[in-house]
């Protein structure tokens, strides 16, 4: 079992009423950062580029402000798939789909963009790239391609997609043999999270577990699983 459980909140603004979705989502991002969530992935895939960039800038500002108030805060903001938006908004990193470009290609883009501005480093953390994986083989490929960590899903059956076959704990355990951290995602609850950590997961990734509950309570309970 990992010594420290990594926690990864994946956003979904569509769960909120349309007229207050942006405000509520930014409030949840702030709540997650204050509670000590390690990573927050902005995953609003349906948004047009301009709107996604605006939301990402607002999210980055929220986290930056909290960092000035609490210097110990280490929450990192990752943008789903969009390298251009991550670069433009000063995000901390990127999360890639399983069929996306490779982490190596992303770093090449970052390095090229950094070279375009002499004396200035890229705002992105060059080592922070997560990759979605659905099989142990994909996790091994993500490791080979230089990913910082993998998110393995779905571990358990999800209520909203019962037709999707869960990978199960045995497959998760096999995936966790990789040398990069593997986070468990899919149907994760406070009741079954411990079994994921026992299988070797370095942490827990979730949408509803964080977004539909008091995040401080969730974080406290998940951290206690390692004790």
C-alpha atoms as a PDB file:
ATOM      1  CA  UNK A   1       0.000   0.000   0.000  1.00  0.00           C
ATOM      2  CA  UNK A   2       1.262   3.490  -0.858  1.00  0.00           C
ATOM      3  CA  UNK A   3       2.582   5.536   2.067  1.00  0.00           C
ATOM      4  CA  UNK A   4       0.679   8.629   0.950  1.00  0.00           C
ATOM      5  CA  UNK A   5      -2.625   8.434  -0.903  1.00  0.00           C
ATOM      6  CA  UNK A   6      -2.691  10.758  -3.927  1.00  0.00           C
ATOM      7  CA  UNK A   7      -6.077  12.369  -4.530  1.00  0.00           C
ATOM      8  CA  UNK A   8      -7.365  13.509  -7.911  1.00  0.00           C
ATOM      9  CA  UNK A   9     -10.596  15.485  -8.374  1.00  0.00           C
ATOM     10  CA  UNK A  10     -11.990  15.447 -11.930  1.00  0.00           C
ATOM     11  CA  UNK A  11     -14.449  18.248 -12.625  1.00  0.00           C
ATOM     12  CA  UNK A  12     -17.914  18.074 -14.174  1.00  0.00           C
ATOM     13  CA  UNK A  13     -19.727  21.405 -14.246  1.00  0.00           C
ATOM     14  CA  UNK A  14     -22.779  19.804 -15.955  1.00  0.00           C
ATOM     15  CA  UNK A  15     -23.751  18.330 -12.580  1.00  0.00           C
ATOM     16  CA  UNK A  16     -24.707  21.850 -11.468  1.00  0.00           C
ATOM     17  CA  UNK A  17     -27.618  24.005 -12.576  1.00  0.00           C
ATOM     18  CA  UNK A  18     -26.715  25.752 -15.829  1.00  0.00           C
ATOM     19  CA  UNK A  19     -27.179  29.278 -14.463  1.00  0.00           C
ATOM     20  CA  UNK A  20     -24.693  28.692 -11.646  1.00  0.00           C
ATOM     21  CA  UNK A  21     -22.425  25.995 -13.074  1.00  0.00           C
ATOM     22  CA  UNK A  22     -19.268  28.103 -13.432  1.00  0.00           C
ATOM     23  CA  UNK A  23     -19.568  29.658  -9.980  1.00  0.00           C
ATOM     24  CA  UNK A  24     -20.301  26.337  -8.305  1.00  0.00           C
ATOM     25  CA  UNK A  25     -17.448  24.614 -10.100  1.00  0.00           C
ATOM     26  CA  UNK A  26     -14.928  27.273  -9.088  1.00  0.00           C
ATOM     27  CA  UNK A  27     -16.182  26.976  -5.510  1.00  0.00           C
ATOM     28  CA  UNK A  28     -15.589  23.211  -5.644  1.00  0.00           C
ATOM     29  CA  UNK A  29     -12.102  23.734  -7.057  1.00  0.00           C
ATOM     30  CA  UNK A  30     -11.305  26.097  -4.192  1.00  0.00           C
ATOM     31  CA  UNK A  31     -12.782  23.626  -1.702  1.00  0.00           C
ATOM     32  CA  UNK A  32     -10.674  20.798  -3.115  1.00  0.00           C
ATOM     33  CA  UNK A  33      -7.483  22.858  -2.995  1.00  0.00           C
ATOM     34  CA  UNK A  34      -8.094  23.944   0.591  1.00  0.00           C
ATOM     35  CA  UNK A  35      -8.727  20.326   1.578  1.00  0.00           C
ATOM     36  CA  UNK A  36      -5.381  19.242   0.167  1.00  0.00           C
ATOM     37  CA  UNK A  37      -6.403  17.388  -2.996  1.00  0.00           C
ATOM     38  CA  UNK A  38      -3.188  16.772  -4.961  1.00  0.00           C
ATOM     39  CA  UNK A  39      -4.504  17.154  -8.506  1.00  0.00           C
ATOM     40  CA  UNK A  40      -7.533  18.812 -10.066  1.00  0.00           C
ATOM     41  CA  UNK A  41      -8.317  17.964 -13.681  1.00  0.00           C
ATOM     42  CA  UNK A  42     -10.423  20.494 -15.578  1.00  0.00           C
ATOM     43  CA  UNK A  43     -12.332  18.061 -17.792  1.00  0.00           C
ATOM     44  CA  UNK A  44     -15.001  20.231 -19.426  1.00  0.00           C
ATOM     45  CA  UNK A  45     -14.631  18.580 -22.830  1.00  0.00           C
ATOM     46  CA  UNK A  46     -17.785  20.052 -24.346  1.00  0.00           C
ATOM     47  CA  UNK A  47     -16.738  23.689 -23.948  1.00  0.00           C
ATOM     48  CA  UNK A  48     -15.584  25.696 -26.985  1.00  0.00           C
ATOM     49  CA  UNK A  49     -11.922  26.674 -26.811  1.00  0.00           C
ATOM     50  CA  UNK A  50     -12.529  30.292 -25.793  1.00  0.00           C
ATOM     51  CA  UNK A  51     -14.888  29.322 -22.956  1.00  0.00           C
ATOM     52  CA  UNK A  52     -12.597  26.526 -21.787  1.00  0.00           C
ATOM     53  CA  UNK A  53      -9.642  28.895 -21.748  1.00  0.00           C
ATOM     54  CA  UNK A  54     -11.633  31.451 -19.733  1.00  0.00           C
ATOM     55  CA  UNK A  55     -12.681  28.814 -17.207  1.00  0.00           C
ATOM     56  CA  UNK A  56      -9.135  27.485 -16.969  1.00  0.00           C
ATOM     57  CA  UNK A  57      -7.780  30.971 -16.285  1.00  0.00           C
ATOM     58  CA  UNK A  58     -10.350  31.455 -13.534  1.00  0.00           C
ATOM     59  CA  UNK A  59      -9.481  28.075 -12.004  1.00  0.00           C
ATOM     60  CA  UNK A  60      -5.763  28.854 -12.161  1.00  0.00           C
ATOM     61  CA  UNK A  61      -6.381  32.218 -10.458  1.00  0.00           C
ATOM     62  CA  UNK A  62      -8.376  30.554  -7.680  1.00  0.00           C
ATOM     63  CA  UNK A  63      -5.557  28.124  -6.936  1.00  0.00           C
ATOM     64  CA  UNK A  64      -2.877  30.811  -7.255  1.00  0.00           C
ATOM     65  CA  UNK A  65      -4.705  32.986  -4.737  1.00  0.00           C
ATOM     66  CA  UNK A  66      -4.979  30.098  -2.291  1.00  0.00           C
ATOM     67  CA  UNK A  67      -1.245  29.465  -2.684  1.00  0.00           C
ATOM     68  CA  UNK A  68      -0.529  33.026  -1.561  1.00  0.00           C
ATOM     69  CA  UNK A  69      -2.665  32.439   1.525  1.00  0.00           C
ATOM     70  CA  UNK A  70      -1.268  28.990   2.315  1.00  0.00           C
ATOM     71  CA  UNK A  71       2.286  28.402   1.160  1.00  0.00           C
ATOM     72  CA  UNK A  72       2.051  24.686   1.987  1.00  0.00           C
ATOM     73  CA  UNK A  73      -0.688  24.214  -0.626  1.00  0.00           C
ATOM     74  CA  UNK A  74       0.526  21.923  -3.410  1.00  0.00           C
ATOM     75  CA  UNK A  75      -2.637  21.352  -5.441  1.00  0.00           C
ATOM     76  CA  UNK A  76      -1.872  21.197  -9.163  1.00  0.00           C
ATOM     77  CA  UNK A  77      -4.297  22.135 -11.940  1.00  0.00           C
ATOM     78  CA  UNK A  78      -4.279  19.882 -15.013  1.00  0.00           C
ATOM     79  CA  UNK A  79      -6.159  20.506 -18.252  1.00  0.00           C
ATOM     80  CA  UNK A  80      -7.775  17.581 -20.024  1.00  0.00           C
ATOM     81  CA  UNK A  81      -6.118  16.853 -23.382  1.00  0.00           C
ATOM     82  CA  UNK A  82      -5.686  20.488 -24.519  1.00  0.00           C
ATOM     83  CA  UNK A  83      -1.975  21.296 -24.530  1.00  0.00           C
ATOM     84  CA  UNK A  84      -2.680  24.702 -26.064  1.00  0.00           C
ATOM     85  CA  UNK A  85      -5.115  25.692 -23.309  1.00  0.00           C
ATOM     86  CA  UNK A  86      -2.750  24.425 -20.599  1.00  0.00           C
ATOM     87  CA  UNK A  87       0.058  26.568 -21.998  1.00  0.00           C
ATOM     88  CA  UNK A  88      -2.112  29.639 -22.504  1.00  0.00           C
ATOM     89  CA  UNK A  89      -3.598  29.615 -19.021  1.00  0.00           C
ATOM     90  CA  UNK A  90      -0.578  28.771 -16.882  1.00  0.00           C
ATOM     91  CA  UNK A  91      -1.900  25.396 -15.743  1.00  0.00           C
ATOM     92  CA  UNK A  92       0.423  23.063 -13.862  1.00  0.00           C
ATOM     93  CA  UNK A  93       0.131  20.153 -16.246  1.00  0.00           C
ATOM     94  CA  UNK A  94      -1.910  18.081 -18.634  1.00  0.00           C
ATOM     95  CA  UNK A  95      -4.051  14.958 -18.580  1.00  0.00           C
ATOM     96  CA  UNK A  96      -4.052  12.861 -21.749  1.00  0.00           C
ATOM     97  CA  UNK A  97      -6.596  10.399 -23.106  1.00  0.00           C
ATOM     98  CA  UNK A  98      -5.442   6.848 -23.766  1.00  0.00           C
ATOM     99  CA  UNK A  99      -5.515   7.579 -27.536  1.00  0.00           C
ATOM    100  CA  UNK A 100      -3.983  11.047 -27.240  1.00  0.00           C
ATOM    101  CA  UNK A 101      -0.533  12.243 -28.240  1.00  0.00           C
ATOM    102  CA  UNK A 102       2.263  10.877 -26.064  1.00  0.00           C
ATOM    103  CA  UNK A 103       3.795  12.598 -23.031  1.00  0.00           C
ATOM    104  CA  UNK A 104       7.040  12.775 -25.007  1.00  0.00           C
ATOM    105  CA  UNK A 105       5.303  14.795 -27.729  1.00  0.00           C
ATOM    106  CA  UNK A 106       3.751  17.088 -25.128  1.00  0.00           C
ATOM    107  CA  UNK A 107       7.140  17.816 -23.578  1.00  0.00           C
ATOM    108  CA  UNK A 108       8.566  18.550 -27.011  1.00  0.00           C
ATOM    109  CA  UNK A 109       5.814  21.133 -27.519  1.00  0.00           C
ATOM    110  CA  UNK A 110       6.442  22.649 -24.075  1.00  0.00           C
ATOM    111  CA  UNK A 111      10.175  22.882 -24.712  1.00  0.00           C
ATOM    112  CA  UNK A 112       9.616  24.488 -28.100  1.00  0.00           C
ATOM    113  CA  UNK A 113       7.231  27.053 -26.634  1.00  0.00           C
ATOM    114  CA  UNK A 114       9.681  27.825 -23.847  1.00  0.00           C
ATOM    115  CA  UNK A 115      12.414  28.374 -26.397  1.00  0.00           C
ATOM    116  CA  UNK A 116      10.216  30.947 -28.141  1.00  0.00           C
ATOM    117  CA  UNK A 117      10.572  33.226 -25.128  1.00  0.00           C
ATOM    118  CA  UNK A 118      14.269  33.546 -24.170  1.00  0.00           C
ATOM    119  CA  UNK A 119      14.930  33.645 -20.440  1.00  0.00           C
ATOM    120  CA  UNK A 120      11.466  32.431 -19.544  1.00  0.00           C
ATOM    121  CA  UNK A 121      10.596  28.884 -18.513  1.00  0.00           C
ATOM    122  CA  UNK A 122       7.291  27.272 -19.397  1.00  0.00           C
ATOM    123  CA  UNK A 123       4.718  27.758 -16.618  1.00  0.00           C
ATOM    124  CA  UNK A 124       3.888  24.050 -16.848  1.00  0.00           C
ATOM    125  CA  UNK A 125       5.583  21.544 -14.602  1.00  0.00           C
ATOM    126  CA  UNK A 126       7.536  19.605 -17.195  1.00  0.00           C
ATOM    127  CA  UNK A 127       7.120  16.347 -15.304  1.00  0.00           C
ATOM    128  CA  UNK A 128       3.382  16.547 -14.631  1.00  0.00           C
ATOM    129  CA  UNK A 129       1.506  14.562 -17.270  1.00  0.00           C
ATOM    130  CA  UNK A 130      -1.228  12.073 -16.405  1.00  0.00           C
ATOM    131  CA  UNK A 131      -2.599   9.491 -18.832  1.00  0.00           C
ATOM    132  CA  UNK A 132      -5.942   7.652 -18.825  1.00  0.00           C
ATOM    133  CA  UNK A 133      -5.498   3.884 -19.107  1.00  0.00           C
ATOM    134  CA  UNK A 134      -7.970   1.013 -19.303  1.00  0.00           C
ATOM    135  CA  UNK A 135      -5.677  -2.010 -19.343  1.00  0.00           C
ATOM    136  CA  UNK A 136      -2.391  -2.935 -17.650  1.00  0.00           C
ATOM    137  CA  UNK A 137      -0.800  -2.855 -21.110  1.00  0.00           C
ATOM    138  CA  UNK A 138      -1.819   0.777 -21.571  1.00  0.00           C
ATOM    139  CA  UNK A 139      -0.301   1.622 -18.188  1.00  0.00           C
ATOM    140  CA  UNK A 140       2.990   0.042 -19.217  1.00  0.00           C
ATOM    141  CA  UNK A 141       2.889   2.032 -22.466  1.00  0.00           C
ATOM    142  CA  UNK A 142       2.199   5.253 -20.552  1.00  0.00           C
ATOM    143  CA  UNK A 143       5.212   4.511 -18.365  1.00  0.00           C
ATOM    144  CA  UNK A 144       7.364   3.840 -21.421  1.00  0.00           C
ATOM    145  CA  UNK A 145       6.208   7.125 -22.976  1.00  0.00           C
ATOM    146  CA  UNK A 146       7.245   9.143 -19.927  1.00  0.00           C
ATOM    147  CA  UNK A 147       3.934   9.761 -18.145  1.00  0.00           C
ATOM    148  CA  UNK A 148       4.132  11.080 -14.584  1.00  0.00           C
ATOM    149  CA  UNK A 149       1.246   8.866 -13.501  1.00  0.00           C
ATOM    150  CA  UNK A 150      -1.620   6.810 -14.892  1.00  0.00           C
ATOM    151  CA  UNK A 151      -5.322   6.854 -14.062  1.00  0.00           C
ATOM    152  CA  UNK A 152      -6.714   3.319 -14.390  1.00  0.00           C
ATOM    153  CA  UNK A 153     -10.449   2.967 -15.069  1.00  0.00           C
ATOM    154  CA  UNK A 154     -13.063   1.811 -14.568  1.00  0.00           C
ATOM    155  CA  UNK A 155     -12.206  -0.303 -11.541  1.00  0.00           C
ATOM    156  CA  UNK A 156     -15.801  -0.791 -10.389  1.00  0.00           C
ATOM    157  CA  UNK A 157     -19.168  -0.634 -12.116  1.00  0.00           C
ATOM    158  CA  UNK A 158     -20.488   2.909 -12.533  1.00  0.00           C
ATOM    159  CA  UNK A 159     -24.154   3.659 -11.918  1.00  0.00           C
ATOM    160  CA  UNK A 160     -24.450   6.000 -14.890  1.00  0.00           C
ATOM    161  CA  UNK A 161     -22.801   3.547 -17.323  1.00  0.00           C
ATOM    162  CA  UNK A 162     -23.800   0.039 -16.172  1.00  0.00           C
ATOM    163  CA  UNK A 163     -23.067  -1.355 -19.643  1.00  0.00           C
ATOM    164  CA  UNK A 164     -19.361  -0.558 -19.273  1.00  0.00           C
ATOM    165  CA  UNK A 165     -17.525  -3.609 -18.003  1.00  0.00           C
ATOM    166  CA  UNK A 166     -15.394  -2.825 -14.936  1.00  0.00           C
ATOM    167  CA  UNK A 167     -11.742  -3.879 -15.022  1.00  0.00           C
ATOM    168  CA  UNK A 168     -11.788  -5.119 -11.439  1.00  0.00           C
ATOM    169  CA  UNK A 169      -9.233  -5.224  -8.657  1.00  0.00           C
ATOM    170  CA  UNK A 170      -7.138  -8.010 -10.210  1.00  0.00           C
ATOM    171  CA  UNK A 171      -6.486  -5.915 -13.317  1.00  0.00           C
ATOM    172  CA  UNK A 172      -5.791  -2.870 -11.131  1.00  0.00           C
ATOM    173  CA  UNK A 173      -3.234  -4.864  -9.158  1.00  0.00           C
ATOM    174  CA  UNK A 174      -1.542  -5.923 -12.380  1.00  0.00           C
ATOM    175  CA  UNK A 175      -1.533  -2.326 -13.641  1.00  0.00           C
ATOM    176  CA  UNK A 176       0.063  -1.166 -10.390  1.00  0.00           C
ATOM    177  CA  UNK A 177       3.155  -3.241 -11.116  1.00  0.00           C
ATOM    178  CA  UNK A 178       4.289  -0.320 -13.283  1.00  0.00           C
ATOM    179  CA  UNK A 179       6.976   1.983 -11.907  1.00  0.00           C
ATOM    180  CA  UNK A 180       4.795   5.090 -12.200  1.00  0.00           C
ATOM    181  CA  UNK A 181       1.985   5.867  -9.722  1.00  0.00           C
ATOM    182  CA  UNK A 182      -1.373   4.410 -10.731  1.00  0.00           C
ATOM    183  CA  UNK A 183      -4.580   6.050  -9.480  1.00  0.00           C
ATOM    184  CA  UNK A 184      -7.843   4.115  -9.339  1.00  0.00           C
ATOM    185  CA  UNK A 185     -10.941   5.609 -11.001  1.00  0.00           C
ATOM    186  CA  UNK A 186     -14.482   4.446 -11.659  1.00  0.00           C
ATOM    187  CA  UNK A 187     -17.163   3.712  -9.105  1.00  0.00           C
ATOM    188  CA  UNK A 188     -14.860   4.624  -6.211  1.00  0.00           C
ATOM    189  CA  UNK A 189     -16.520   5.211  -2.830  1.00  0.00           C
ATOM    190  CA  UNK A 190     -15.255   5.615   0.709  1.00  0.00           C
ATOM    191  CA  UNK A 191     -16.351   2.014   1.266  1.00  0.00           C
ATOM    192  CA  UNK A 192     -14.287   0.457  -1.548  1.00  0.00           C
ATOM    193  CA  UNK A 193     -11.336   2.859  -1.775  1.00  0.00           C
ATOM    194  CA  UNK A 194      -9.284   0.828   0.709  1.00  0.00           C
ATOM    195  CA  UNK A 195      -9.418  -2.233  -1.557  1.00  0.00           C
ATOM    196  CA  UNK A 196      -7.904  -0.149  -4.374  1.00  0.00           C
ATOM    197  CA  UNK A 197      -5.016   0.938  -2.172  1.00  0.00           C
ATOM    198  CA  UNK A 198      -4.480  -2.644  -1.024  1.00  0.00           C
ATOM    199  CA  UNK A 199      -4.273  -3.651  -4.685  1.00  0.00           C
ATOM    200  CA  UNK A 200      -1.354  -1.240  -5.055  1.00  0.00           C
ATOM    201  CA  UNK A 201      -2.991   1.977  -6.239  1.00  0.00           C
ATOM    202  CA  UNK A 202      -1.038   5.093  -5.340  1.00  0.00           C
ATOM    203  CA  UNK A 203      -4.229   7.063  -4.970  1.00  0.00           C
ATOM    204  CA  UNK A 204      -7.859   7.686  -5.795  1.00  0.00           C
ATOM    205  CA  UNK A 205      -9.347   9.664  -8.693  1.00  0.00           C
ATOM    206  CA  UNK A 206     -13.028  10.557  -8.812  1.00  0.00           C
ATOM    207  CA  UNK A 207     -15.673  12.971  -9.976  1.00  0.00           C
ATOM    208  CA  UNK A 208     -18.731  12.365  -7.800  1.00  0.00           C
ATOM    209  CA  UNK A 209     -16.882  11.268  -4.680  1.00  0.00           C
ATOM    210  CA  UNK A 210     -15.421  14.774  -4.427  1.00  0.00           C
ATOM    211  CA  UNK A 211     -17.984  16.891  -6.210  1.00  0.00           C
ATOM    212  CA  UNK A 212     -21.103  15.562  -4.486  1.00  0.00           C
ATOM    213  CA  UNK A 213     -19.702  15.473  -0.945  1.00  0.00           C
ATOM    214  CA  UNK A 214     -17.915  17.618   1.591  1.00  0.00           C
ATOM    215  CA  UNK A 215     -14.396  17.379   0.162  1.00  0.00           C
ATOM    216  CA  UNK A 216     -12.617  17.955   3.469  1.00  0.00           C
ATOM    217  CA  UNK A 217     -14.525  14.987   4.932  1.00  0.00           C
ATOM    218  CA  UNK A 218     -13.668  12.814   1.910  1.00  0.00           C
ATOM    219  CA  UNK A 219      -9.986  13.774   1.997  1.00  0.00           C
ATOM    220  CA  UNK A 220      -9.713  13.142   5.732  1.00  0.00           C
ATOM    221  CA  UNK A 221     -11.243   9.685   5.389  1.00  0.00           C
ATOM    222  CA  UNK A 222      -9.136   8.714   2.399  1.00  0.00           C
ATOM    223  CA  UNK A 223      -5.911   9.862   4.049  1.00  0.00           C
ATOM    224  CA  UNK A 224      -6.736   7.763   7.108  1.00  0.00           C
ATOM    225  CA  UNK A 225      -6.818   4.634   4.966  1.00  0.00           C
ATOM    226  CA  UNK A 226      -3.027   4.741   4.804  1.00  0.00           C
ATOM    227  CA  UNK A 227      -2.547   4.782   8.557  1.00  0.00           C
END
